[in-house]
């Protein structure tokens, strides 16, 4: 059974940094992209970043480009999201996910099949 567990969220001030981790178990996720999404209260879940299996391709939402960095450690089945220069509008529950198909690097939630339970990130002004 595939499980994804996020950690690293918390309450920080604007301008601070956080590093989110997502540890997977139950599969090696070989060939699959891993992504981060977020959902703020009253809003739809939105794409943040994604990375392919070999880490040769990574894509970011315009709102986080230049501030967030996604990376992965395949030996540990873990994906990370380094978040710098955090803003109040980054406040949301952050979810990691694994793509439904291998070899693709999707940016929509529907193209991801496994999800973690989420970790709260709150940025105060």
PDB file of N, CA and C in Angstrom:
ATOM      1  N   UNK A   1       0.841  -1.184   0.000  1.00  0.00           N
ATOM      2  CA  UNK A   1       0.000   0.000   0.000  1.00  0.00           C
ATOM      3  C   UNK A   1       0.882   1.241   0.000  1.00  0.00           C
ATOM      4  N   UNK A   2       0.651   2.121  -0.962  1.00  0.00           N
ATOM      5  CA  UNK A   2       1.453   3.329  -1.077  1.00  0.00           C
ATOM      6  C   UNK A   2       1.030   4.342  -0.022  1.00  0.00           C
ATOM      7  N   UNK A   3       2.019   4.900   0.647  1.00  0.00           N
ATOM      8  CA  UNK A   3       1.763   5.962   1.617  1.00  0.00           C
ATOM      9  C   UNK A   3       2.741   7.099   1.396  1.00  0.00           C
ATOM     10  N   UNK A   4       2.256   8.317   1.508  1.00  0.00           N
ATOM     11  CA  UNK A   4       3.075   9.513   1.427  1.00  0.00           C
ATOM     12  C   UNK A   4       2.848  10.310   2.704  1.00  0.00           C
ATOM     13  N   UNK A   5       3.929  10.690   3.359  1.00  0.00           N
ATOM     14  CA  UNK A   5       3.818  11.417   4.621  1.00  0.00           C
ATOM     15  C   UNK A   5       4.642  12.698   4.533  1.00  0.00           C
ATOM     16  N   UNK A   6       3.951  13.840   4.610  1.00  0.00           N
ATOM     17  CA  UNK A   6       4.627  15.126   4.564  1.00  0.00           C
ATOM     18  C   UNK A   6       5.038  15.567   5.968  1.00  0.00           C
ATOM     19  N   UNK A   7       6.081  16.374   6.027  1.00  0.00           N
ATOM     20  CA  UNK A   7       6.522  16.965   7.280  1.00  0.00           C
ATOM     21  C   UNK A   7       7.246  18.266   6.982  1.00  0.00           C
ATOM     22  N   UNK A   8       7.458  19.073   8.021  1.00  0.00           N
ATOM     23  CA  UNK A   8       8.229  20.288   7.866  1.00  0.00           C
ATOM     24  C   UNK A   8       7.434  21.576   7.857  1.00  0.00           C
ATOM     25  N   UNK A   9       6.118  21.465   7.884  1.00  0.00           N
ATOM     26  CA  UNK A   9       5.307  22.667   7.908  1.00  0.00           C
ATOM     27  C   UNK A   9       5.394  23.375   9.249  1.00  0.00           C
ATOM     28  N   UNK A  10       4.818  24.573   9.298  1.00  0.00           N
ATOM     29  CA  UNK A  10       4.827  25.317  10.555  1.00  0.00           C
ATOM     30  C   UNK A  10       4.402  26.747  10.359  1.00  0.00           C
ATOM     31  N   UNK A  11       4.576  27.521  11.428  1.00  0.00           N
ATOM     32  CA  UNK A  11       4.237  28.943  11.431  1.00  0.00           C
ATOM     33  C   UNK A  11       5.523  29.749  11.357  1.00  0.00           C
ATOM     34  N   UNK A  12       5.636  30.579  10.327  1.00  0.00           N
ATOM     35  CA  UNK A  12       6.829  31.398  10.155  1.00  0.00           C
ATOM     36  C   UNK A  12       6.407  32.821   9.804  1.00  0.00           C
ATOM     37  N   UNK A  13       7.382  33.722   9.807  1.00  0.00           N
ATOM     38  CA  UNK A  13       7.128  35.098   9.422  1.00  0.00           C
ATOM     39  C   UNK A  13       7.485  35.314   7.956  1.00  0.00           C
ATOM     40  N   UNK A  14       6.907  36.337   7.381  1.00  0.00           N
ATOM     41  CA  UNK A  14       7.212  36.669   5.994  1.00  0.00           C
ATOM     42  C   UNK A  14       8.717  36.859   5.838  1.00  0.00           C
ATOM     43  N   UNK A  15       9.256  36.280   4.760  1.00  0.00           N
ATOM     44  CA  UNK A  15      10.682  36.356   4.501  1.00  0.00           C
ATOM     45  C   UNK A  15      11.472  35.162   5.000  1.00  0.00           C
ATOM     46  N   UNK A  16      10.859  34.367   5.864  1.00  0.00           N
ATOM     47  CA  UNK A  16      11.535  33.184   6.396  1.00  0.00           C
ATOM     48  C   UNK A  16      11.536  32.044   5.373  1.00  0.00           C
ATOM     49  N   UNK A  17      12.186  30.951   5.761  1.00  0.00           N
ATOM     50  CA  UNK A  17      12.281  29.762   4.912  1.00  0.00           C
ATOM     51  C   UNK A  17      11.747  28.538   5.647  1.00  0.00           C
ATOM     52  N   UNK A  18      11.281  27.579   4.871  1.00  0.00           N
ATOM     53  CA  UNK A  18      10.877  26.268   5.379  1.00  0.00           C
ATOM     54  C   UNK A  18      11.279  25.219   4.364  1.00  0.00           C
ATOM     55  N   UNK A  19      11.530  24.027   4.855  1.00  0.00           N
ATOM     56  CA  UNK A  19      11.813  22.903   3.958  1.00  0.00           C
ATOM     57  C   UNK A  19      10.827  21.791   4.257  1.00  0.00           C
ATOM     58  N   UNK A  20      10.005  21.480   3.287  1.00  0.00           N
ATOM     59  CA  UNK A  20       9.049  20.395   3.409  1.00  0.00           C
ATOM     60  C   UNK A  20       9.657  19.103   2.890  1.00  0.00           C
ATOM     61  N   UNK A  21       9.301  18.010   3.538  1.00  0.00           N
ATOM     62  CA  UNK A  21       9.725  16.686   3.096  1.00  0.00           C
ATOM     63  C   UNK A  21       8.495  15.808   2.904  1.00  0.00           C
ATOM     64  N   UNK A  22       8.617  14.869   2.012  1.00  0.00           N
ATOM     65  CA  UNK A  22       7.541  13.908   1.773  1.00  0.00           C
ATOM     66  C   UNK A  22       8.187  12.545   1.572  1.00  0.00           C
ATOM     67  N   UNK A  23       7.954  11.656   2.517  1.00  0.00           N
ATOM     68  CA  UNK A  23       8.531  10.320   2.463  1.00  0.00           C
ATOM     69  C   UNK A  23       7.503   9.324   1.962  1.00  0.00           C
ATOM     70  N   UNK A  24       7.871   8.571   0.957  1.00  0.00           N
ATOM     71  CA  UNK A  24       6.971   7.579   0.391  1.00  0.00           C
ATOM     72  C   UNK A  24       7.343   6.170   0.808  1.00  0.00           C
ATOM     73  N   UNK A  25       6.347   5.315   0.885  1.00  0.00           N
ATOM     74  CA  UNK A  25       6.574   3.907   1.192  1.00  0.00           C
ATOM     75  C   UNK A  25       5.571   3.074   0.412  1.00  0.00           C
ATOM     76  N   UNK A  26       5.868   1.790   0.290  1.00  0.00           N
ATOM     77  CA  UNK A  26       4.975   0.889  -0.418  1.00  0.00           C
ATOM     78  C   UNK A  26       5.268   0.756  -1.883  1.00  0.00           C
ATOM     79  N   UNK A  27       6.224   1.545  -2.382  1.00  0.00           N
ATOM     80  CA  UNK A  27       6.602   1.490  -3.790  1.00  0.00           C
ATOM     81  C   UNK A  27       7.910   2.249  -3.954  1.00  0.00           C
ATOM     82  N   UNK A  28       8.600   1.994  -5.044  1.00  0.00           N
ATOM     83  CA  UNK A  28       9.829   2.731  -5.313  1.00  0.00           C
ATOM     84  C   UNK A  28       9.572   3.968  -6.172  1.00  0.00           C
ATOM     85  N   UNK A  29       8.383   4.099  -6.723  1.00  0.00           N
ATOM     86  CA  UNK A  29       7.994   5.233  -7.576  1.00  0.00           C
ATOM     87  C   UNK A  29       8.923   5.382  -8.763  1.00  0.00           C
ATOM     88  N   UNK A  30       9.529   4.286  -9.197  1.00  0.00           N
ATOM     89  CA  UNK A  30      10.457   4.333 -10.306  1.00  0.00           C
ATOM     90  C   UNK A  30       9.814   4.864 -11.572  1.00  0.00           C
ATOM     91  N   UNK A  31      10.358   5.959 -12.141  1.00  0.00           N
ATOM     92  CA  UNK A  31       9.840   6.535 -13.377  1.00  0.00           C
ATOM     93  C   UNK A  31       8.717   7.523 -13.202  1.00  0.00           C
ATOM     94  N   UNK A  32       8.245   7.702 -11.987  1.00  0.00           N
ATOM     95  CA  UNK A  32       7.095   8.566 -11.733  1.00  0.00           C
ATOM     96  C   UNK A  32       7.537   9.946 -11.249  1.00  0.00           C
ATOM     97  N   UNK A  33       6.790  10.957 -11.689  1.00  0.00           N
ATOM     98  CA  UNK A  33       7.023  12.304 -11.190  1.00  0.00           C
ATOM     99  C   UNK A  33       6.437  12.438  -9.789  1.00  0.00           C
ATOM    100  N   UNK A  34       7.037  13.331  -9.013  1.00  0.00           N
ATOM    101  CA  UNK A  34       6.491  13.673  -7.696  1.00  0.00           C
ATOM    102  C   UNK A  34       6.299  15.180  -7.663  1.00  0.00           C
ATOM    103  N   UNK A  35       5.170  15.578  -7.106  1.00  0.00           N
ATOM    104  CA  UNK A  35       4.838  16.989  -7.132  1.00  0.00           C
ATOM    105  C   UNK A  35       4.350  17.501  -5.795  1.00  0.00           C
ATOM    106  N   UNK A  36       4.312  18.813  -5.713  1.00  0.00           N
ATOM    107  CA  UNK A  36       3.744  19.503  -4.557  1.00  0.00           C
ATOM    108  C   UNK A  36       2.578  20.367  -5.021  1.00  0.00           C
ATOM    109  N   UNK A  37       1.520  20.325  -4.256  1.00  0.00           N
ATOM    110  CA  UNK A  37       0.353  21.164  -4.479  1.00  0.00           C
ATOM    111  C   UNK A  37       0.009  21.846  -3.164  1.00  0.00           C
ATOM    112  N   UNK A  38      -0.834  22.851  -3.225  1.00  0.00           N
ATOM    113  CA  UNK A  38      -1.267  23.510  -1.989  1.00  0.00           C
ATOM    114  C   UNK A  38      -2.729  23.924  -2.112  1.00  0.00           C
ATOM    115  N   UNK A  39      -3.357  24.042  -0.968  1.00  0.00           N
ATOM    116  CA  UNK A  39      -4.750  24.443  -0.942  1.00  0.00           C
ATOM    117  C   UNK A  39      -4.987  25.375   0.236  1.00  0.00           C
ATOM    118  N   UNK A  40      -5.403  26.581  -0.088  1.00  0.00           N
ATOM    119  CA  UNK A  40      -5.738  27.577   0.924  1.00  0.00           C
ATOM    120  C   UNK A  40      -7.237  27.489   1.217  1.00  0.00           C
ATOM    121  N   UNK A  41      -7.666  27.957   2.379  1.00  0.00           N
ATOM    122  CA  UNK A  41      -9.086  27.892   2.727  1.00  0.00           C
ATOM    123  C   UNK A  41      -9.960  28.573   1.677  1.00  0.00           C
ATOM    124  N   UNK A  42     -10.992  27.865   1.240  1.00  0.00           N
ATOM    125  CA  UNK A  42     -11.923  28.419   0.274  1.00  0.00           C
ATOM    126  C   UNK A  42     -11.429  28.435  -1.152  1.00  0.00           C
ATOM    127  N   UNK A  43     -10.258  27.869  -1.396  1.00  0.00           N
ATOM    128  CA  UNK A  43      -9.694  27.852  -2.745  1.00  0.00           C
ATOM    129  C   UNK A  43      -9.467  26.432  -3.218  1.00  0.00           C
ATOM    130  N   UNK A  44      -9.325  26.290  -4.519  1.00  0.00           N
ATOM    131  CA  UNK A  44      -9.049  24.977  -5.087  1.00  0.00           C
ATOM    132  C   UNK A  44      -7.574  24.609  -4.883  1.00  0.00           C
ATOM    133  N   UNK A  45      -7.317  23.321  -4.924  1.00  0.00           N
ATOM    134  CA  UNK A  45      -5.941  22.846  -4.835  1.00  0.00           C
ATOM    135  C   UNK A  45      -5.186  23.317  -6.073  1.00  0.00           C
ATOM    136  N   UNK A  46      -3.998  23.869  -5.865  1.00  0.00           N
ATOM    137  CA  UNK A  46      -3.231  24.404  -6.981  1.00  0.00           C
ATOM    138  C   UNK A  46      -1.824  23.810  -7.040  1.00  0.00           C
ATOM    139  N   UNK A  47      -1.328  23.765  -8.257  1.00  0.00           N
ATOM    140  CA  UNK A  47       0.004  23.251  -8.521  1.00  0.00           C
ATOM    141  C   UNK A  47       1.069  24.181  -7.952  1.00  0.00           C
ATOM    142  N   UNK A  48       2.117  23.591  -7.359  1.00  0.00           N
ATOM    143  CA  UNK A  48       3.245  24.363  -6.860  1.00  0.00           C
ATOM    144  C   UNK A  48       4.519  24.008  -7.632  1.00  0.00           C
ATOM    145  N   UNK A  49       4.863  22.719  -7.639  1.00  0.00           N
ATOM    146  CA  UNK A  49       6.098  22.292  -8.294  1.00  0.00           C
ATOM    147  C   UNK A  49       6.043  20.800  -8.553  1.00  0.00           C
ATOM    148  N   UNK A  50       6.818  20.359  -9.545  1.00  0.00           N
ATOM    149  CA  UNK A  50       6.906  18.936  -9.826  1.00  0.00           C
ATOM    150  C   UNK A  50       8.276  18.615 -10.378  1.00  0.00           C
ATOM    151  N   UNK A  51       8.683  17.365 -10.227  1.00  0.00           N
ATOM    152  CA  UNK A  51      10.006  16.939 -10.674  1.00  0.00           C
ATOM    153  C   UNK A  51       9.919  15.520 -11.197  1.00  0.00           C
ATOM    154  N   UNK A  52      10.668  15.244 -12.260  1.00  0.00           N
ATOM    155  CA  UNK A  52      10.612  13.901 -12.824  1.00  0.00           C
ATOM    156  C   UNK A  52      11.551  12.957 -12.073  1.00  0.00           C
ATOM    157  N   UNK A  53      11.527  11.698 -12.477  1.00  0.00           N
ATOM    158  CA  UNK A  53      12.262  10.651 -11.744  1.00  0.00           C
ATOM    159  C   UNK A  53      13.763  10.942 -11.683  1.00  0.00           C
ATOM    160  N   UNK A  54      14.334  11.371 -12.795  1.00  0.00           N
ATOM    161  CA  UNK A  54      15.780  11.578 -12.861  1.00  0.00           C
ATOM    162  C   UNK A  54      16.212  12.951 -12.377  1.00  0.00           C
ATOM    163  N   UNK A  55      15.249  13.789 -11.986  1.00  0.00           N
ATOM    164  CA  UNK A  55      15.516  15.169 -11.555  1.00  0.00           C
ATOM    165  C   UNK A  55      16.052  16.040 -12.678  1.00  0.00           C
ATOM    166  N   UNK A  56      15.870  15.606 -13.912  1.00  0.00           N
ATOM    167  CA  UNK A  56      16.340  16.384 -15.057  1.00  0.00           C
ATOM    168  C   UNK A  56      15.336  17.460 -15.467  1.00  0.00           C
ATOM    169  N   UNK A  57      14.094  17.307 -15.023  1.00  0.00           N
ATOM    170  CA  UNK A  57      13.066  18.298 -15.347  1.00  0.00           C
ATOM    171  C   UNK A  57      12.296  18.672 -14.091  1.00  0.00           C
ATOM    172  N   UNK A  58      12.129  19.970 -13.907  1.00  0.00           N
ATOM    173  CA  UNK A  58      11.336  20.475 -12.784  1.00  0.00           C
ATOM    174  C   UNK A  58      10.550  21.680 -13.270  1.00  0.00           C
ATOM    175  N   UNK A  59       9.310  21.769 -12.833  1.00  0.00           N
ATOM    176  CA  UNK A  59       8.451  22.875 -13.239  1.00  0.00           C
ATOM    177  C   UNK A  59       7.846  23.523 -11.994  1.00  0.00           C
ATOM    178  N   UNK A  60       7.618  24.811 -12.106  1.00  0.00           N
ATOM    179  CA  UNK A  60       7.119  25.576 -10.968  1.00  0.00           C
ATOM    180  C   UNK A  60       5.955  26.461 -11.375  1.00  0.00           C
ATOM    181  N   UNK A  61       5.064  26.708 -10.438  1.00  0.00           N
ATOM    182  CA  UNK A  61       4.045  27.721 -10.645  1.00  0.00           C
ATOM    183  C   UNK A  61       4.720  29.083 -10.695  1.00  0.00           C
ATOM    184  N   UNK A  62       4.178  29.989 -11.483  1.00  0.00           N
ATOM    185  CA  UNK A  62       4.765  31.322 -11.604  1.00  0.00           C
ATOM    186  C   UNK A  62       4.863  32.006 -10.246  1.00  0.00           C
ATOM    187  N   UNK A  63       3.905  31.733  -9.380  1.00  0.00           N
ATOM    188  CA  UNK A  63       3.862  32.414  -8.086  1.00  0.00           C
ATOM    189  C   UNK A  63       5.003  32.022  -7.154  1.00  0.00           C
ATOM    190  N   UNK A  64       5.670  30.891  -7.430  1.00  0.00           N
ATOM    191  CA  UNK A  64       6.747  30.441  -6.538  1.00  0.00           C
ATOM    192  C   UNK A  64       8.091  30.378  -7.247  1.00  0.00           C
ATOM    193  N   UNK A  65       8.100  30.618  -8.538  1.00  0.00           N
ATOM    194  CA  UNK A  65       9.335  30.520  -9.308  1.00  0.00           C
ATOM    195  C   UNK A  65      10.381  31.484  -8.768  1.00  0.00           C
ATOM    196  N   UNK A  66      11.592  30.974  -8.558  1.00  0.00           N
ATOM    197  CA  UNK A  66      12.668  31.789  -8.026  1.00  0.00           C
ATOM    198  C   UNK A  66      12.740  31.788  -6.509  1.00  0.00           C
ATOM    199  N   UNK A  67      11.683  31.291  -5.858  1.00  0.00           N
ATOM    200  CA  UNK A  67      11.671  31.247  -4.390  1.00  0.00           C
ATOM    201  C   UNK A  67      11.663  29.811  -3.861  1.00  0.00           C
ATOM    202  N   UNK A  68      10.995  28.912  -4.580  1.00  0.00           N
ATOM    203  CA  UNK A  68      10.878  27.521  -4.155  1.00  0.00           C
ATOM    204  C   UNK A  68      11.752  26.634  -5.034  1.00  0.00           C
ATOM    205  N   UNK A  69      12.284  25.567  -4.440  1.00  0.00           N
ATOM    206  CA  UNK A  69      13.068  24.588  -5.178  1.00  0.00           C
ATOM    207  C   UNK A  69      12.621  23.186  -4.796  1.00  0.00           C
ATOM    208  N   UNK A  70      12.294  22.387  -5.795  1.00  0.00           N
ATOM    209  CA  UNK A  70      11.909  20.999  -5.555  1.00  0.00           C
ATOM    210  C   UNK A  70      13.099  20.100  -5.846  1.00  0.00           C
ATOM    211  N   UNK A  71      13.231  19.046  -5.062  1.00  0.00           N
ATOM    212  CA  UNK A  71      14.296  18.070  -5.282  1.00  0.00           C
ATOM    213  C   UNK A  71      13.803  16.722  -4.773  1.00  0.00           C
ATOM    214  N   UNK A  72      14.528  15.664  -5.122  1.00  0.00           N
ATOM    215  CA  UNK A  72      14.127  14.337  -4.664  1.00  0.00           C
ATOM    216  C   UNK A  72      15.337  13.468  -4.425  1.00  0.00           C
ATOM    217  N   UNK A  73      15.168  12.508  -3.536  1.00  0.00           N
ATOM    218  CA  UNK A  73      16.183  11.515  -3.227  1.00  0.00           C
ATOM    219  C   UNK A  73      15.523  10.159  -3.477  1.00  0.00           C
ATOM    220  N   UNK A  74      15.791   9.568  -4.619  1.00  0.00           N
ATOM    221  CA  UNK A  74      15.114   8.325  -4.986  1.00  0.00           C
ATOM    222  C   UNK A  74      15.509   7.169  -4.085  1.00  0.00           C
ATOM    223  N   UNK A  75      16.721   7.189  -3.580  1.00  0.00           N
ATOM    224  CA  UNK A  75      17.159   6.109  -2.689  1.00  0.00           C
ATOM    225  C   UNK A  75      16.336   6.090  -1.411  1.00  0.00           C
ATOM    226  N   UNK A  76      15.799   7.261  -1.038  1.00  0.00           N
ATOM    227  CA  UNK A  76      14.995   7.359   0.175  1.00  0.00           C
ATOM    228  C   UNK A  76      13.510   7.570  -0.127  1.00  0.00           C
ATOM    229  N   UNK A  77      13.146   7.498  -1.411  1.00  0.00           N
ATOM    230  CA  UNK A  77      11.726   7.705  -1.784  1.00  0.00           C
ATOM    231  C   UNK A  77      11.182   9.000  -1.213  1.00  0.00           C
ATOM    232  N   UNK A  78      11.968  10.044  -1.273  1.00  0.00           N
ATOM    233  CA  UNK A  78      11.597  11.304  -0.630  1.00  0.00           C
ATOM    234  C   UNK A  78      11.698  12.459  -1.617  1.00  0.00           C
ATOM    235  N   UNK A  79      10.743  13.355  -1.521  1.00  0.00           N
ATOM    236  CA  UNK A  79      10.769  14.581  -2.305  1.00  0.00           C
ATOM    237  C   UNK A  79      10.753  15.757  -1.323  1.00  0.00           C
ATOM    238  N   UNK A  80      11.456  16.820  -1.692  1.00  0.00           N
ATOM    239  CA  UNK A  80      11.598  17.975  -0.824  1.00  0.00           C
ATOM    240  C   UNK A  80      11.077  19.233  -1.539  1.00  0.00           C
ATOM    241  N   UNK A  81      10.691  20.195  -0.723  1.00  0.00           N
ATOM    242  CA  UNK A  81      10.345  21.512  -1.257  1.00  0.00           C
ATOM    243  C   UNK A  81      10.992  22.554  -0.361  1.00  0.00           C
ATOM    244  N   UNK A  82      12.042  23.183  -0.871  1.00  0.00           N
ATOM    245  CA  UNK A  82      12.702  24.265  -0.162  1.00  0.00           C
ATOM    246  C   UNK A  82      11.970  25.560  -0.493  1.00  0.00           C
ATOM    247  N   UNK A  83      11.448  26.209   0.524  1.00  0.00           N
ATOM    248  CA  UNK A  83      10.663  27.423   0.323  1.00  0.00           C
ATOM    249  C   UNK A  83      11.375  28.596   0.985  1.00  0.00           C
ATOM    250  N   UNK A  84      11.807  29.538   0.179  1.00  0.00           N
ATOM    251  CA  UNK A  84      12.497  30.729   0.669  1.00  0.00           C
ATOM    252  C   UNK A  84      11.637  31.966   0.421  1.00  0.00           C
ATOM    253  N   UNK A  85      11.977  33.024   1.129  1.00  0.00           N
ATOM    254  CA  UNK A  85      11.270  34.305   0.964  1.00  0.00           C
ATOM    255  C   UNK A  85       9.765  34.113   1.014  1.00  0.00           C
ATOM    256  N   UNK A  86       9.314  33.432   2.034  1.00  0.00           N
ATOM    257  CA  UNK A  86       7.895  33.114   2.137  1.00  0.00           C
ATOM    258  C   UNK A  86       7.048  34.362   2.298  1.00  0.00           C
ATOM    259  N   UNK A  87       5.855  34.307   1.724  1.00  0.00           N
ATOM    260  CA  UNK A  87       4.908  35.418   1.759  1.00  0.00           C
ATOM    261  C   UNK A  87       3.608  34.948   2.420  1.00  0.00           C
ATOM    262  N   UNK A  88       2.839  35.876   2.963  1.00  0.00           N
ATOM    263  CA  UNK A  88       1.556  35.474   3.565  1.00  0.00           C
ATOM    264  C   UNK A  88       0.658  34.703   2.591  1.00  0.00           C
ATOM    265  N   UNK A  89       0.736  35.031   1.317  1.00  0.00           N
ATOM    266  CA  UNK A  89      -0.096  34.336   0.326  1.00  0.00           C
ATOM    267  C   UNK A  89       0.358  32.909   0.059  1.00  0.00           C
ATOM    268  N   UNK A  90       1.485  32.494   0.646  1.00  0.00           N
ATOM    269  CA  UNK A  90       1.912  31.097   0.548  1.00  0.00           C
ATOM    270  C   UNK A  90       1.224  30.233   1.608  1.00  0.00           C
ATOM    271  N   UNK A  91       0.471  30.856   2.502  1.00  0.00           N
ATOM    272  CA  UNK A  91      -0.228  30.114   3.542  1.00  0.00           C
ATOM    273  C   UNK A  91      -1.222  29.139   2.935  1.00  0.00           C
ATOM    274  N   UNK A  92      -1.089  27.868   3.296  1.00  0.00           N
ATOM    275  CA  UNK A  92      -1.944  26.816   2.740  1.00  0.00           C
ATOM    276  C   UNK A  92      -1.553  25.485   3.362  1.00  0.00           C
ATOM    277  N   UNK A  93      -2.360  24.473   3.084  1.00  0.00           N
ATOM    278  CA  UNK A  93      -1.957  23.100   3.362  1.00  0.00           C
ATOM    279  C   UNK A  93      -1.216  22.607   2.120  1.00  0.00           C
ATOM    280  N   UNK A  94      -0.043  22.076   2.329  1.00  0.00           N
ATOM    281  CA  UNK A  94       0.792  21.601   1.239  1.00  0.00           C
ATOM    282  C   UNK A  94       0.738  20.081   1.166  1.00  0.00           C
ATOM    283  N   UNK A  95       0.498  19.572  -0.044  1.00  0.00           N
ATOM    284  CA  UNK A  95       0.375  18.146  -0.285  1.00  0.00           C
ATOM    285  C   UNK A  95       1.434  17.675  -1.281  1.00  0.00           C
ATOM    286  N   UNK A  96       1.996  16.498  -1.037  1.00  0.00           N
ATOM    287  CA  UNK A  96       2.840  15.893  -2.062  1.00  0.00           C
ATOM    288  C   UNK A  96       2.027  14.801  -2.763  1.00  0.00           C
ATOM    289  N   UNK A  97       2.461  14.467  -3.960  1.00  0.00           N
ATOM    290  CA  UNK A  97       1.707  13.503  -4.757  1.00  0.00           C
ATOM    291  C   UNK A  97       2.626  12.807  -5.754  1.00  0.00           C
ATOM    292  N   UNK A  98       2.190  11.644  -6.198  1.00  0.00           N
ATOM    293  CA  UNK A  98       2.919  10.862  -7.199  1.00  0.00           C
ATOM    294  C   UNK A  98       2.055  10.765  -8.446  1.00  0.00           C
ATOM    295  N   UNK A  99       2.662  10.937  -9.610  1.00  0.00           N
ATOM    296  CA  UNK A  99       1.903  10.933 -10.859  1.00  0.00           C
ATOM    297  C   UNK A  99       1.273   9.564 -11.126  1.00  0.00           C
ATOM    298  N   UNK A 100       0.163   9.587 -11.873  1.00  0.00           N
ATOM    299  CA  UNK A 100      -0.538   8.339 -12.213  1.00  0.00           C
ATOM    300  C   UNK A 100       0.250   7.515 -13.209  1.00  0.00           C
ATOM    301  N   UNK A 101       0.961   8.182 -14.110  1.00  0.00           N
ATOM    302  CA  UNK A 101       1.672   7.485 -15.174  1.00  0.00           C
ATOM    303  C   UNK A 101       3.165   7.764 -15.086  1.00  0.00           C
ATOM    304  N   UNK A 102       3.992   6.800 -15.467  1.00  0.00           N
ATOM    305  CA  UNK A 102       5.439   7.037 -15.510  1.00  0.00           C
ATOM    306  C   UNK A 102       5.832   7.840 -16.743  1.00  0.00           C
ATOM    307  N   UNK A 103       6.948   8.534 -16.656  1.00  0.00           N
ATOM    308  CA  UNK A 103       7.498   9.208 -17.826  1.00  0.00           C
ATOM    309  C   UNK A 103       6.872  10.548 -18.161  1.00  0.00           C
ATOM    310  N   UNK A 104       5.893  10.981 -17.392  1.00  0.00           N
ATOM    311  CA  UNK A 104       5.277  12.286 -17.617  1.00  0.00           C
ATOM    312  C   UNK A 104       5.555  13.170 -16.423  1.00  0.00           C
ATOM    313  N   UNK A 105       5.403  14.481 -16.633  1.00  0.00           N
ATOM    314  CA  UNK A 105       5.642  15.437 -15.552  1.00  0.00           C
ATOM    315  C   UNK A 105       4.442  16.377 -15.515  1.00  0.00           C
ATOM    316  N   UNK A 106       3.347  15.928 -14.982  1.00  0.00           N
ATOM    317  CA  UNK A 106       2.096  16.704 -15.050  1.00  0.00           C
ATOM    318  C   UNK A 106       2.027  17.836 -14.042  1.00  0.00           C
ATOM    319  N   UNK A 107       1.116  18.763 -14.321  1.00  0.00           N
ATOM    320  CA  UNK A 107       0.971  19.911 -13.433  1.00  0.00           C
ATOM    321  C   UNK A 107      -0.459  20.074 -12.919  1.00  0.00           C
ATOM    322  N   UNK A 108      -1.344  19.131 -13.232  1.00  0.00           N
ATOM    323  CA  UNK A 108      -2.719  19.219 -12.735  1.00  0.00           C
ATOM    324  C   UNK A 108      -2.971  18.130 -11.706  1.00  0.00           C
ATOM    325  N   UNK A 109      -3.776  18.434 -10.695  1.00  0.00           N
ATOM    326  CA  UNK A 109      -4.030  17.446  -9.641  1.00  0.00           C
ATOM    327  C   UNK A 109      -4.607  16.122 -10.170  1.00  0.00           C
ATOM    328  N   UNK A 110      -5.432  16.181 -11.196  1.00  0.00           N
ATOM    329  CA  UNK A 110      -6.083  14.972 -11.709  1.00  0.00           C
ATOM    330  C   UNK A 110      -5.092  13.951 -12.260  1.00  0.00           C
ATOM    331  N   UNK A 111      -3.898  14.417 -12.585  1.00  0.00           N
ATOM    332  CA  UNK A 111      -2.888  13.522 -13.161  1.00  0.00           C
ATOM    333  C   UNK A 111      -2.001  12.873 -12.104  1.00  0.00           C
ATOM    334  N   UNK A 112      -2.363  13.070 -10.853  1.00  0.00           N
ATOM    335  CA  UNK A 112      -1.634  12.464  -9.751  1.00  0.00           C
ATOM    336  C   UNK A 112      -2.530  11.455  -9.043  1.00  0.00           C
ATOM    337  N   UNK A 113      -1.960  10.300  -8.715  1.00  0.00           N
ATOM    338  CA  UNK A 113      -2.781   9.220  -8.194  1.00  0.00           C
ATOM    339  C   UNK A 113      -2.662   8.960  -6.711  1.00  0.00           C
ATOM    340  N   UNK A 114      -1.539   9.316  -6.145  1.00  0.00           N
ATOM    341  CA  UNK A 114      -1.330   9.102  -4.713  1.00  0.00           C
ATOM    342  C   UNK A 114      -1.039  10.442  -4.052  1.00  0.00           C
ATOM    343  N   UNK A 115      -1.622  10.626  -2.874  1.00  0.00           N
ATOM    344  CA  UNK A 115      -1.508  11.894  -2.165  1.00  0.00           C
ATOM    345  C   UNK A 115      -1.159  11.670  -0.705  1.00  0.00           C
ATOM    346  N   UNK A 116      -0.410  12.627  -0.143  1.00  0.00           N
ATOM    347  CA  UNK A 116      -0.172  12.617   1.278  1.00  0.00           C
ATOM    348  C   UNK A 116      -1.328  13.290   2.004  1.00  0.00           C
ATOM    349  N   UNK A 117      -1.210  13.356   3.315  1.00  0.00           N
ATOM    350  CA  UNK A 117      -2.292  13.909   4.130  1.00  0.00           C
ATOM    351  C   UNK A 117      -2.189  15.430   4.259  1.00  0.00           C
ATOM    352  N   UNK A 118      -1.054  15.988   3.887  1.00  0.00           N
ATOM    353  CA  UNK A 118      -0.879  17.436   3.920  1.00  0.00           C
ATOM    354  C   UNK A 118      -0.180  17.927   5.170  1.00  0.00           C
ATOM    355  N   UNK A 119       0.503  19.070   5.019  1.00  0.00           N
ATOM    356  CA  UNK A 119       1.154  19.727   6.146  1.00  0.00           C
ATOM    357  C   UNK A 119       0.860  21.219   6.046  1.00  0.00           C
ATOM    358  N   UNK A 120       0.516  21.825   7.173  1.00  0.00           N
ATOM    359  CA  UNK A 120       0.105  23.220   7.191  1.00  0.00           C
ATOM    360  C   UNK A 120       1.315  24.141   7.178  1.00  0.00           C
ATOM    361  N   UNK A 121       1.271  25.120   6.309  1.00  0.00           N
ATOM    362  CA  UNK A 121       2.263  26.197   6.277  1.00  0.00           C
ATOM    363  C   UNK A 121       1.517  27.504   6.481  1.00  0.00           C
ATOM    364  N   UNK A 122       1.912  28.239   7.510  1.00  0.00           N
ATOM    365  CA  UNK A 122       1.285  29.524   7.808  1.00  0.00           C
ATOM    366  C   UNK A 122       2.365  30.593   7.852  1.00  0.00           C
ATOM    367  N   UNK A 123       2.189  31.639   7.048  1.00  0.00           N
ATOM    368  CA  UNK A 123       3.166  32.723   6.975  1.00  0.00           C
ATOM    369  C   UNK A 123       2.499  33.993   7.466  1.00  0.00           C
ATOM    370  N   UNK A 124       3.021  34.535   8.545  1.00  0.00           N
ATOM    371  CA  UNK A 124       2.444  35.756   9.098  1.00  0.00           C
ATOM    372  C   UNK A 124       3.159  36.976   8.544  1.00  0.00           C
ATOM    373  N   UNK A 125       2.430  38.068   8.465  1.00  0.00           N
ATOM    374  CA  UNK A 125       3.012  39.298   7.892  1.00  0.00           C
ATOM    375  C   UNK A 125       3.684  40.143   8.953  1.00  0.00           C
TER     376      UNK A 125
END
